[in-house]
Amino acid sequence: MAAYVLEKGRPASADGRTDKEIRVYDFLDAHGIEYYRADHPDAHADTMEACREIDEVLQATVVKNLFLTNRQHTCFYLLMMPGEKQFKTKELSGQLGISRLSFAAPEEMEKYLDCTPGSSSVMGLMNDRDGRVQLLVDRDVLDGEYIGCHPCINTSSLKIRTRDIFEVFLSAVGHRMQIVRLNGDTENVSPES
């Protein structure tokens, strides 16, 4: 079992870090958003199971991020939902008035969020300058004081105040959220994060 450490702010050095990760720290710092970081290069947090130990260090709401699209691949959605809930396509499709939702292709995630599967995060919205991605947030995500998310790479995790994400960050990136209510069961949780 690795001993992950929670540190305040950006890493002391950019060595071994991707440009997209450093851009997240630059953006958060430029907008005065306080954050804590836990590095876990040996444990790519790309499934909910892999995130559990890291979440113990973060002490933040466990969030599952799903990148979705409509049948025509003309509308894209980033869904933030509690990690323990099961995603039910029909339930969300009905709330959005869309006949069918599915997972978007990895290439689409990289194009719009500059994230790869397993590292999708609300932080990716800073890369969606044209506003192609709609943020959907399950109501239960808003209840916690902090949210854990990736800095667009799944070898580090961030702890950020919930209100800073949904008030300061979203305003800075020019996105709004749509609140949805998912009743997913806690069984058969999807491995996506």
N, C-alpha and C. Protein backbone atom coordinates (compact mmCIF):
# COMPACT_ATOMS: atom_id res chain seq x y z
N MET A 1 0.84 -1.17 0.00
CA MET A 1 0.00 0.00 0.00
C MET A 1 0.89 1.24 0.00
N ALA A 2 0.74 2.09 -1.01
CA ALA A 2 1.54 3.30 -1.12
C ALA A 2 1.05 4.34 -0.12
N ALA A 3 1.98 5.16 0.32
CA ALA A 3 1.61 6.23 1.24
C ALA A 3 1.57 7.53 0.45
N TYR A 4 0.37 7.93 0.08
CA TYR A 4 0.22 9.15 -0.69
C TYR A 4 0.17 10.33 0.25
N VAL A 5 0.74 11.45 -0.20
CA VAL A 5 0.84 12.64 0.63
C VAL A 5 0.04 13.76 -0.02
N LEU A 6 -0.73 14.46 0.78
CA LEU A 6 -1.50 15.59 0.31
C LEU A 6 -0.68 16.86 0.52
N GLU A 7 -0.40 17.56 -0.56
CA GLU A 7 0.40 18.78 -0.50
C GLU A 7 -0.42 19.94 -1.02
N LYS A 8 -0.14 21.12 -0.49
CA LYS A 8 -0.87 22.30 -0.94
C LYS A 8 -0.22 22.86 -2.20
N GLY A 9 -1.04 23.09 -3.21
CA GLY A 9 -0.58 23.76 -4.43
C GLY A 9 0.18 22.88 -5.40
N ARG A 10 0.81 23.55 -6.33
CA ARG A 10 1.49 22.91 -7.44
C ARG A 10 2.78 22.22 -7.00
N PRO A 11 3.28 21.29 -7.82
CA PRO A 11 4.54 20.65 -7.50
C PRO A 11 5.69 21.65 -7.59
N ALA A 12 6.75 21.39 -6.86
CA ALA A 12 7.91 22.30 -6.86
C ALA A 12 8.59 22.36 -8.22
N SER A 13 8.49 21.28 -8.98
CA SER A 13 9.14 21.22 -10.29
C SER A 13 8.16 20.67 -11.32
N ALA A 14 8.34 21.12 -12.56
CA ALA A 14 7.52 20.62 -13.67
C ALA A 14 8.14 19.39 -14.31
N ASP A 15 9.29 18.96 -13.83
CA ASP A 15 9.97 17.79 -14.39
C ASP A 15 9.06 16.56 -14.31
N GLY A 16 8.93 15.87 -15.42
CA GLY A 16 8.13 14.66 -15.48
C GLY A 16 6.63 14.91 -15.55
N ARG A 17 6.23 16.16 -15.63
CA ARG A 17 4.81 16.52 -15.70
C ARG A 17 4.43 16.84 -17.14
N THR A 18 3.19 16.57 -17.51
CA THR A 18 2.73 16.90 -18.86
C THR A 18 2.37 18.38 -18.92
N ASP A 19 2.38 18.92 -20.13
CA ASP A 19 1.99 20.32 -20.33
C ASP A 19 0.56 20.56 -19.88
N LYS A 20 -0.33 19.60 -20.17
CA LYS A 20 -1.73 19.79 -19.81
C LYS A 20 -1.90 19.84 -18.30
N GLU A 21 -1.11 19.08 -17.55
CA GLU A 21 -1.18 19.12 -16.09
C GLU A 21 -0.70 20.48 -15.57
N ILE A 22 0.42 20.95 -16.09
CA ILE A 22 0.97 22.25 -15.67
C ILE A 22 0.00 23.38 -16.01
N ARG A 23 -0.69 23.28 -17.15
CA ARG A 23 -1.68 24.31 -17.52
C ARG A 23 -2.81 24.38 -16.49
N VAL A 24 -3.20 23.24 -15.92
CA VAL A 24 -4.24 23.23 -14.88
C VAL A 24 -3.75 24.02 -13.67
N TYR A 25 -2.53 23.75 -13.21
CA TYR A 25 -1.99 24.47 -12.05
C TYR A 25 -1.88 25.96 -12.35
N ASP A 26 -1.42 26.29 -13.54
CA ASP A 26 -1.31 27.71 -13.93
C ASP A 26 -2.67 28.38 -13.88
N PHE A 27 -3.68 27.70 -14.40
CA PHE A 27 -5.03 28.26 -14.45
C PHE A 27 -5.59 28.46 -13.04
N LEU A 28 -5.46 27.44 -12.21
CA LEU A 28 -5.98 27.55 -10.84
C LEU A 28 -5.26 28.66 -10.07
N ASP A 29 -3.95 28.73 -10.21
CA ASP A 29 -3.18 29.78 -9.53
C ASP A 29 -3.58 31.17 -10.03
N ALA A 30 -3.75 31.31 -11.34
CA ALA A 30 -4.10 32.61 -11.93
C ALA A 30 -5.47 33.10 -11.47
N HIS A 31 -6.35 32.16 -11.10
CA HIS A 31 -7.70 32.53 -10.67
C HIS A 31 -7.89 32.45 -9.15
N GLY A 32 -6.78 32.32 -8.44
CA GLY A 32 -6.83 32.34 -6.98
C GLY A 32 -7.60 31.19 -6.37
N ILE A 33 -7.62 30.05 -7.03
CA ILE A 33 -8.34 28.88 -6.52
C ILE A 33 -7.36 28.02 -5.73
N GLU A 34 -7.65 27.84 -4.44
CA GLU A 34 -6.81 27.02 -3.58
C GLU A 34 -7.06 25.55 -3.86
N TYR A 35 -5.98 24.78 -3.88
CA TYR A 35 -6.11 23.34 -4.13
C TYR A 35 -5.00 22.59 -3.42
N TYR A 36 -5.28 21.32 -3.19
CA TYR A 36 -4.32 20.39 -2.60
C TYR A 36 -4.11 19.29 -3.62
N ARG A 37 -2.92 18.71 -3.62
CA ARG A 37 -2.54 17.74 -4.64
C ARG A 37 -1.94 16.49 -4.01
N ALA A 38 -2.34 15.34 -4.53
CA ALA A 38 -1.72 14.07 -4.16
C ALA A 38 -1.23 13.43 -5.44
N ASP A 39 0.08 13.17 -5.49
CA ASP A 39 0.66 12.50 -6.65
C ASP A 39 0.62 10.99 -6.42
N HIS A 40 0.33 10.25 -7.48
CA HIS A 40 0.28 8.79 -7.40
C HIS A 40 0.69 8.19 -8.74
N PRO A 41 1.94 8.46 -9.15
CA PRO A 41 2.39 7.98 -10.47
C PRO A 41 2.39 6.46 -10.59
N ASP A 42 2.45 5.75 -9.47
CA ASP A 42 2.44 4.29 -9.49
C ASP A 42 1.04 3.72 -9.54
N ALA A 43 0.05 4.55 -9.31
CA ALA A 43 -1.35 4.10 -9.30
C ALA A 43 -2.16 5.03 -10.18
N HIS A 44 -2.28 4.69 -11.44
CA HIS A 44 -3.09 5.50 -12.35
C HIS A 44 -4.54 5.37 -11.90
N ALA A 45 -5.10 6.45 -11.44
CA ALA A 45 -6.46 6.44 -10.91
C ALA A 45 -7.46 6.49 -12.05
N ASP A 46 -7.56 5.38 -12.79
CA ASP A 46 -8.43 5.37 -13.95
C ASP A 46 -9.68 4.52 -13.76
N THR A 47 -9.84 3.96 -12.57
CA THR A 47 -11.08 3.27 -12.23
C THR A 47 -11.48 3.70 -10.82
N MET A 48 -12.74 3.51 -10.49
CA MET A 48 -13.18 3.89 -9.15
C MET A 48 -12.45 3.06 -8.09
N GLU A 49 -12.17 1.81 -8.41
CA GLU A 49 -11.47 0.95 -7.44
C GLU A 49 -10.07 1.49 -7.14
N ALA A 50 -9.37 1.91 -8.19
CA ALA A 50 -8.02 2.45 -8.01
C ALA A 50 -8.04 3.77 -7.25
N CYS A 51 -9.15 4.46 -7.29
CA CYS A 51 -9.25 5.77 -6.62
C CYS A 51 -9.49 5.66 -5.12
N ARG A 52 -9.95 4.55 -4.62
CA ARG A 52 -10.36 4.45 -3.22
C ARG A 52 -9.25 4.84 -2.24
N GLU A 53 -8.03 4.30 -2.43
CA GLU A 53 -6.93 4.62 -1.52
C GLU A 53 -6.53 6.09 -1.62
N ILE A 54 -6.54 6.61 -2.82
CA ILE A 54 -6.22 8.02 -3.04
C ILE A 54 -7.29 8.89 -2.40
N ASP A 55 -8.54 8.48 -2.50
CA ASP A 55 -9.63 9.24 -1.90
C ASP A 55 -9.51 9.31 -0.38
N GLU A 56 -8.94 8.29 0.23
CA GLU A 56 -8.71 8.32 1.68
C GLU A 56 -7.79 9.47 2.05
N VAL A 57 -6.81 9.74 1.19
CA VAL A 57 -5.87 10.85 1.42
C VAL A 57 -6.55 12.19 1.14
N LEU A 58 -7.33 12.25 0.06
CA LEU A 58 -7.97 13.51 -0.33
C LEU A 58 -9.05 13.96 0.65
N GLN A 59 -9.81 12.99 1.19
CA GLN A 59 -10.95 13.33 2.05
C GLN A 59 -11.88 14.32 1.34
N ALA A 60 -12.30 13.93 0.15
CA ALA A 60 -13.18 14.76 -0.67
C ALA A 60 -14.25 13.86 -1.27
N THR A 61 -15.30 14.46 -1.83
CA THR A 61 -16.35 13.69 -2.47
C THR A 61 -15.78 12.90 -3.64
N VAL A 62 -16.04 11.61 -3.63
CA VAL A 62 -15.58 10.74 -4.71
C VAL A 62 -16.49 10.99 -5.91
N VAL A 63 -15.92 11.46 -7.01
CA VAL A 63 -16.71 11.80 -8.19
C VAL A 63 -16.29 10.94 -9.37
N LYS A 64 -17.29 10.43 -10.07
CA LYS A 64 -17.08 9.71 -11.31
C LYS A 64 -17.39 10.69 -12.44
N ASN A 65 -16.50 10.79 -13.41
CA ASN A 65 -16.69 11.69 -14.55
C ASN A 65 -16.87 10.87 -15.81
N LEU A 66 -17.97 11.07 -16.50
CA LEU A 66 -18.26 10.32 -17.72
C LEU A 66 -18.42 11.31 -18.88
N PHE A 67 -17.74 11.03 -19.97
CA PHE A 67 -17.82 11.88 -21.16
C PHE A 67 -18.77 11.21 -22.16
N LEU A 68 -19.88 11.86 -22.40
CA LEU A 68 -20.99 11.28 -23.16
C LEU A 68 -21.32 12.08 -24.40
N THR A 69 -22.04 11.45 -25.31
CA THR A 69 -22.47 12.13 -26.52
C THR A 69 -23.83 11.61 -26.96
N ASN A 70 -24.48 12.38 -27.82
CA ASN A 70 -25.73 11.92 -28.41
C ASN A 70 -25.42 10.98 -29.58
N ARG A 71 -26.45 10.43 -30.17
CA ARG A 71 -26.28 9.45 -31.26
C ARG A 71 -25.50 10.04 -32.45
N GLN A 72 -25.73 11.31 -32.74
CA GLN A 72 -25.11 11.95 -33.90
C GLN A 72 -23.69 12.47 -33.62
N HIS A 73 -23.26 12.41 -32.38
CA HIS A 73 -21.96 12.95 -31.96
C HIS A 73 -21.86 14.45 -32.26
N THR A 74 -22.98 15.14 -32.02
CA THR A 74 -22.99 16.60 -32.21
C THR A 74 -23.10 17.34 -30.88
N CYS A 75 -23.53 16.66 -29.84
CA CYS A 75 -23.64 17.25 -28.50
C CYS A 75 -22.81 16.39 -27.55
N PHE A 76 -22.04 17.08 -26.69
CA PHE A 76 -21.16 16.36 -25.76
C PHE A 76 -21.44 16.80 -24.34
N TYR A 77 -21.32 15.86 -23.42
CA TYR A 77 -21.66 16.10 -22.02
C TYR A 77 -20.58 15.52 -21.13
N LEU A 78 -20.21 16.27 -20.11
CA LEU A 78 -19.35 15.76 -19.05
C LEU A 78 -20.24 15.61 -17.83
N LEU A 79 -20.46 14.37 -17.41
CA LEU A 79 -21.32 14.08 -16.27
C LEU A 79 -20.46 13.86 -15.04
N MET A 80 -20.72 14.63 -13.99
CA MET A 80 -20.09 14.42 -12.68
C MET A 80 -21.14 13.81 -11.78
N MET A 81 -20.82 12.63 -11.25
CA MET A 81 -21.78 11.94 -10.40
C MET A 81 -21.04 11.26 -9.26
N PRO A 82 -21.72 10.98 -8.15
CA PRO A 82 -21.07 10.28 -7.04
C PRO A 82 -20.51 8.95 -7.51
N GLY A 83 -19.33 8.63 -7.02
CA GLY A 83 -18.65 7.41 -7.44
C GLY A 83 -19.39 6.14 -7.15
N GLU A 84 -20.23 6.15 -6.12
CA GLU A 84 -20.93 4.92 -5.76
C GLU A 84 -22.21 4.68 -6.56
N LYS A 85 -22.65 5.66 -7.33
CA LYS A 85 -23.88 5.48 -8.11
C LYS A 85 -23.59 4.79 -9.44
N GLN A 86 -24.55 3.99 -9.84
CA GLN A 86 -24.46 3.34 -11.14
C GLN A 86 -25.04 4.28 -12.19
N PHE A 87 -24.38 4.36 -13.33
CA PHE A 87 -24.86 5.20 -14.42
C PHE A 87 -25.90 4.42 -15.24
N LYS A 88 -27.06 5.02 -15.40
CA LYS A 88 -28.12 4.43 -16.20
C LYS A 88 -28.45 5.40 -17.33
N THR A 89 -28.08 5.02 -18.53
CA THR A 89 -28.23 5.88 -19.70
C THR A 89 -29.66 6.38 -19.85
N LYS A 90 -30.61 5.48 -19.71
CA LYS A 90 -32.02 5.84 -19.93
C LYS A 90 -32.47 6.92 -18.95
N GLU A 91 -32.04 6.81 -17.71
CA GLU A 91 -32.42 7.78 -16.69
C GLU A 91 -31.95 9.20 -17.06
N LEU A 92 -30.70 9.32 -17.50
CA LEU A 92 -30.17 10.63 -17.86
C LEU A 92 -30.73 11.11 -19.19
N SER A 93 -30.85 10.22 -20.16
CA SER A 93 -31.40 10.60 -21.47
C SER A 93 -32.77 11.22 -21.32
N GLY A 94 -33.59 10.63 -20.45
CA GLY A 94 -34.93 11.15 -20.22
C GLY A 94 -34.92 12.57 -19.67
N GLN A 95 -34.01 12.84 -18.74
CA GLN A 95 -33.92 14.19 -18.16
C GLN A 95 -33.46 15.23 -19.18
N LEU A 96 -32.65 14.78 -20.13
CA LEU A 96 -32.12 15.71 -21.14
C LEU A 96 -33.00 15.80 -22.37
N GLY A 97 -33.99 14.91 -22.47
CA GLY A 97 -34.85 14.90 -23.64
C GLY A 97 -34.14 14.40 -24.89
N ILE A 98 -33.21 13.46 -24.69
CA ILE A 98 -32.43 12.89 -25.78
C ILE A 98 -32.79 11.42 -25.88
N SER A 99 -32.94 10.93 -27.10
CA SER A 99 -33.34 9.53 -27.25
C SER A 99 -32.25 8.55 -26.85
N ARG A 100 -30.99 8.91 -27.06
CA ARG A 100 -29.93 7.96 -26.75
C ARG A 100 -28.64 8.70 -26.42
N LEU A 101 -28.00 8.28 -25.34
CA LEU A 101 -26.67 8.75 -24.96
C LEU A 101 -25.72 7.57 -24.96
N SER A 102 -24.47 7.84 -25.29
CA SER A 102 -23.46 6.79 -25.21
C SER A 102 -22.14 7.45 -24.83
N PHE A 103 -21.14 6.63 -24.55
CA PHE A 103 -19.83 7.17 -24.25
C PHE A 103 -19.23 7.74 -25.52
N ALA A 104 -18.64 8.92 -25.41
CA ALA A 104 -17.96 9.53 -26.55
C ALA A 104 -16.65 8.79 -26.80
N ALA A 105 -16.13 8.92 -28.00
CA ALA A 105 -14.87 8.27 -28.37
C ALA A 105 -13.70 8.94 -27.65
N PRO A 106 -12.65 8.17 -27.37
CA PRO A 106 -11.46 8.75 -26.74
C PRO A 106 -10.91 9.95 -27.51
N GLU A 107 -10.99 9.89 -28.84
CA GLU A 107 -10.50 11.01 -29.66
C GLU A 107 -11.31 12.28 -29.42
N GLU A 108 -12.62 12.11 -29.20
CA GLU A 108 -13.47 13.26 -28.92
C GLU A 108 -13.14 13.86 -27.56
N MET A 109 -12.87 12.99 -26.58
CA MET A 109 -12.49 13.48 -25.25
C MET A 109 -11.19 14.29 -25.33
N GLU A 110 -10.23 13.78 -26.07
CA GLU A 110 -8.97 14.50 -26.22
C GLU A 110 -9.17 15.81 -26.97
N LYS A 111 -10.00 15.80 -27.98
CA LYS A 111 -10.24 17.00 -28.79
C LYS A 111 -10.87 18.12 -27.96
N TYR A 112 -11.88 17.79 -27.18
CA TYR A 112 -12.62 18.82 -26.46
C TYR A 112 -12.12 19.11 -25.04
N LEU A 113 -11.62 18.09 -24.35
CA LEU A 113 -11.21 18.28 -22.95
C LEU A 113 -9.70 18.15 -22.72
N ASP A 114 -8.97 17.68 -23.72
CA ASP A 114 -7.54 17.39 -23.60
C ASP A 114 -7.28 16.42 -22.45
N CYS A 115 -8.16 15.43 -22.34
CA CYS A 115 -8.04 14.35 -21.35
C CYS A 115 -8.13 13.03 -22.10
N THR A 116 -7.59 12.00 -21.49
CA THR A 116 -7.72 10.66 -22.04
C THR A 116 -8.65 9.86 -21.14
N PRO A 117 -9.22 8.76 -21.64
CA PRO A 117 -10.09 7.96 -20.79
C PRO A 117 -9.40 7.60 -19.47
N GLY A 118 -10.15 7.72 -18.38
CA GLY A 118 -9.60 7.47 -17.06
C GLY A 118 -9.05 8.72 -16.40
N SER A 119 -8.95 9.81 -17.16
CA SER A 119 -8.47 11.06 -16.56
C SER A 119 -9.44 12.21 -16.79
N SER A 120 -10.65 11.89 -17.27
CA SER A 120 -11.63 12.96 -17.51
C SER A 120 -11.92 13.69 -16.20
N SER A 121 -12.12 14.97 -16.33
CA SER A 121 -12.24 15.82 -15.14
C SER A 121 -12.90 17.14 -15.51
N VAL A 122 -13.53 17.75 -14.54
CA VAL A 122 -14.10 19.08 -14.73
C VAL A 122 -13.00 20.07 -15.15
N MET A 123 -11.75 19.81 -14.76
CA MET A 123 -10.64 20.68 -15.15
C MET A 123 -10.48 20.74 -16.67
N GLY A 124 -10.90 19.70 -17.37
CA GLY A 124 -10.81 19.67 -18.82
C GLY A 124 -11.64 20.75 -19.49
N LEU A 125 -12.63 21.29 -18.79
CA LEU A 125 -13.46 22.34 -19.39
C LEU A 125 -12.65 23.60 -19.71
N MET A 126 -11.50 23.78 -19.08
CA MET A 126 -10.66 24.93 -19.41
C MET A 126 -10.12 24.82 -20.83
N ASN A 127 -10.14 23.61 -21.41
CA ASN A 127 -9.67 23.40 -22.77
C ASN A 127 -10.79 23.48 -23.80
N ASP A 128 -12.02 23.57 -23.34
CA ASP A 128 -13.20 23.63 -24.22
C ASP A 128 -13.57 25.09 -24.45
N ARG A 129 -12.72 25.79 -25.16
CA ARG A 129 -12.90 27.23 -25.36
C ARG A 129 -14.11 27.59 -26.22
N ASP A 130 -14.57 26.63 -27.04
CA ASP A 130 -15.73 26.89 -27.89
C ASP A 130 -17.05 26.48 -27.24
N GLY A 131 -17.00 25.99 -26.02
CA GLY A 131 -18.22 25.64 -25.30
C GLY A 131 -18.99 24.49 -25.91
N ARG A 132 -18.28 23.50 -26.43
CA ARG A 132 -18.95 22.34 -27.05
C ARG A 132 -19.45 21.33 -26.03
N VAL A 133 -18.92 21.37 -24.81
CA VAL A 133 -19.26 20.37 -23.80
C VAL A 133 -20.17 20.98 -22.74
N GLN A 134 -21.29 20.32 -22.48
CA GLN A 134 -22.22 20.75 -21.43
C GLN A 134 -21.89 19.98 -20.16
N LEU A 135 -21.73 20.69 -19.06
CA LEU A 135 -21.46 20.05 -17.78
C LEU A 135 -22.77 19.66 -17.11
N LEU A 136 -22.89 18.38 -16.78
CA LEU A 136 -24.04 17.85 -16.05
C LEU A 136 -23.55 17.41 -14.68
N VAL A 137 -24.24 17.85 -13.64
CA VAL A 137 -23.80 17.54 -12.27
C VAL A 137 -24.95 16.92 -11.51
N ASP A 138 -24.72 15.70 -11.02
CA ASP A 138 -25.73 15.08 -10.16
C ASP A 138 -25.85 15.91 -8.89
N ARG A 139 -27.04 16.16 -8.45
CA ARG A 139 -27.32 17.00 -7.28
C ARG A 139 -26.50 16.60 -6.06
N ASP A 140 -26.28 15.32 -5.85
CA ASP A 140 -25.56 14.85 -4.67
C ASP A 140 -24.09 15.29 -4.64
N VAL A 141 -23.51 15.59 -5.81
CA VAL A 141 -22.11 16.04 -5.87
C VAL A 141 -21.95 17.39 -5.16
N LEU A 142 -22.99 18.18 -5.16
CA LEU A 142 -22.91 19.53 -4.59
C LEU A 142 -22.92 19.56 -3.07
N ASP A 143 -23.21 18.43 -2.44
CA ASP A 143 -23.36 18.39 -0.98
C ASP A 143 -22.05 18.42 -0.21
N GLY A 144 -20.97 17.93 -0.79
CA GLY A 144 -19.70 17.85 -0.07
C GLY A 144 -18.95 19.18 -0.07
N GLU A 145 -18.09 19.36 0.92
CA GLU A 145 -17.28 20.59 1.00
C GLU A 145 -16.18 20.62 -0.05
N TYR A 146 -15.62 19.44 -0.35
CA TYR A 146 -14.53 19.33 -1.32
C TYR A 146 -14.86 18.28 -2.37
N ILE A 147 -14.26 18.47 -3.55
CA ILE A 147 -14.36 17.50 -4.63
C ILE A 147 -12.96 17.10 -5.03
N GLY A 148 -12.79 15.82 -5.32
CA GLY A 148 -11.53 15.32 -5.85
C GLY A 148 -11.63 15.22 -7.36
N CYS A 149 -10.59 15.65 -8.06
CA CYS A 149 -10.59 15.58 -9.52
C CYS A 149 -9.15 15.46 -10.02
N HIS A 150 -9.00 15.08 -11.26
CA HIS A 150 -7.67 14.98 -11.86
C HIS A 150 -7.30 16.29 -12.55
N PRO A 151 -6.00 16.61 -12.58
CA PRO A 151 -5.54 17.78 -13.35
C PRO A 151 -5.31 17.38 -14.81
N CYS A 152 -6.33 16.77 -15.43
CA CYS A 152 -6.31 16.30 -16.83
C CYS A 152 -5.31 15.17 -17.07
N ILE A 153 -4.83 14.56 -15.99
CA ILE A 153 -3.94 13.40 -16.07
C ILE A 153 -4.22 12.57 -14.83
N ASN A 154 -4.20 11.24 -14.95
CA ASN A 154 -4.62 10.42 -13.82
C ASN A 154 -3.48 9.92 -12.93
N THR A 155 -2.35 10.62 -12.94
CA THR A 155 -1.25 10.28 -12.04
C THR A 155 -1.16 11.26 -10.87
N SER A 156 -2.09 12.19 -10.81
CA SER A 156 -2.23 13.12 -9.70
C SER A 156 -3.72 13.38 -9.49
N SER A 157 -4.06 13.74 -8.25
CA SER A 157 -5.45 14.10 -7.94
C SER A 157 -5.45 15.39 -7.14
N LEU A 158 -6.50 16.18 -7.34
CA LEU A 158 -6.63 17.46 -6.67
C LEU A 158 -7.82 17.45 -5.72
N LYS A 159 -7.71 18.22 -4.66
CA LYS A 159 -8.79 18.45 -3.71
C LYS A 159 -9.10 19.94 -3.77
N ILE A 160 -10.32 20.27 -4.19
CA ILE A 160 -10.72 21.67 -4.38
C ILE A 160 -12.08 21.87 -3.73
N ARG A 161 -12.27 23.02 -3.10
CA ARG A 161 -13.57 23.33 -2.50
C ARG A 161 -14.66 23.26 -3.58
N THR A 162 -15.76 22.63 -3.23
CA THR A 162 -16.88 22.47 -4.16
C THR A 162 -17.34 23.83 -4.68
N ARG A 163 -17.47 24.79 -3.80
CA ARG A 163 -17.96 26.11 -4.26
C ARG A 163 -16.95 26.78 -5.19
N ASP A 164 -15.65 26.53 -5.01
CA ASP A 164 -14.66 27.12 -5.92
C ASP A 164 -14.77 26.52 -7.32
N ILE A 165 -15.09 25.24 -7.39
CA ILE A 165 -15.27 24.62 -8.72
C ILE A 165 -16.51 25.18 -9.40
N PHE A 166 -17.63 25.19 -8.68
CA PHE A 166 -18.89 25.54 -9.33
C PHE A 166 -19.18 27.03 -9.40
N GLU A 167 -18.45 27.83 -8.68
CA GLU A 167 -18.64 29.28 -8.77
C GLU A 167 -17.45 29.93 -9.48
N VAL A 168 -16.27 29.79 -8.94
CA VAL A 168 -15.09 30.49 -9.49
C VAL A 168 -14.60 29.83 -10.79
N PHE A 169 -14.32 28.53 -10.73
CA PHE A 169 -13.75 27.84 -11.90
C PHE A 169 -14.68 27.89 -13.10
N LEU A 170 -15.95 27.49 -12.92
CA LEU A 170 -16.87 27.47 -14.06
C LEU A 170 -17.04 28.86 -14.67
N SER A 171 -17.10 29.87 -13.84
CA SER A 171 -17.20 31.23 -14.35
C SER A 171 -15.96 31.59 -15.17
N ALA A 172 -14.79 31.21 -14.68
CA ALA A 172 -13.54 31.53 -15.37
C ALA A 172 -13.42 30.83 -16.71
N VAL A 173 -13.98 29.62 -16.83
CA VAL A 173 -13.89 28.89 -18.10
C VAL A 173 -15.11 29.13 -18.99
N GLY A 174 -16.05 29.94 -18.52
CA GLY A 174 -17.21 30.29 -19.33
C GLY A 174 -18.20 29.15 -19.53
N HIS A 175 -18.33 28.29 -18.53
CA HIS A 175 -19.28 27.17 -18.61
C HIS A 175 -20.30 27.29 -17.47
N ARG A 176 -21.45 26.71 -17.71
CA ARG A 176 -22.48 26.60 -16.69
C ARG A 176 -22.77 25.13 -16.47
N MET A 177 -23.35 24.84 -15.34
CA MET A 177 -23.71 23.44 -15.09
C MET A 177 -25.22 23.28 -15.18
N GLN A 178 -25.61 22.08 -15.53
CA GLN A 178 -27.01 21.68 -15.47
C GLN A 178 -27.09 20.61 -14.40
N ILE A 179 -27.93 20.83 -13.41
CA ILE A 179 -28.08 19.86 -12.33
C ILE A 179 -29.05 18.77 -12.76
N VAL A 180 -28.64 17.52 -12.54
CA VAL A 180 -29.48 16.37 -12.84
C VAL A 180 -29.64 15.56 -11.56
N ARG A 181 -30.62 14.71 -11.54
CA ARG A 181 -30.86 13.85 -10.37
C ARG A 181 -30.85 12.40 -10.83
N LEU A 182 -29.81 11.71 -10.40
CA LEU A 182 -29.66 10.30 -10.75
C LEU A 182 -29.96 9.45 -9.53
N ASN A 183 -30.68 8.36 -9.73
CA ASN A 183 -31.05 7.48 -8.63
C ASN A 183 -30.32 6.17 -8.70
N GLY A 184 -29.22 6.10 -9.44
CA GLY A 184 -28.50 4.85 -9.68
C GLY A 184 -28.26 4.04 -8.43
N ASP A 185 -28.34 2.72 -8.59
CA ASP A 185 -28.07 1.80 -7.49
C ASP A 185 -26.59 1.79 -7.18
N THR A 186 -26.22 1.22 -6.05
CA THR A 186 -24.82 1.13 -5.68
C THR A 186 -24.18 -0.17 -6.16
N GLU A 187 -24.94 -1.02 -6.82
CA GLU A 187 -24.40 -2.28 -7.34
C GLU A 187 -23.90 -2.09 -8.77
N ASN A 188 -22.94 -2.91 -9.17
CA ASN A 188 -22.41 -2.91 -10.53
C ASN A 188 -21.94 -1.54 -10.98
N VAL A 189 -21.13 -0.90 -10.18
CA VAL A 189 -20.63 0.43 -10.50
C VAL A 189 -19.75 0.37 -11.72
N SER A 190 -19.95 1.29 -12.64
CA SER A 190 -19.14 1.39 -13.85
C SER A 190 -17.69 1.69 -13.48
N PRO A 191 -16.71 1.11 -14.15
CA PRO A 191 -15.31 1.35 -13.82
C PRO A 191 -14.77 2.68 -14.31
N GLU A 192 -15.54 3.45 -15.04
CA GLU A 192 -15.07 4.74 -15.53
C GLU A 192 -14.87 5.71 -14.39
N SER A 193 -13.89 6.60 -14.51
CA SER A 193 -13.72 7.66 -13.52
C SER A 193 -13.52 8.96 -14.21
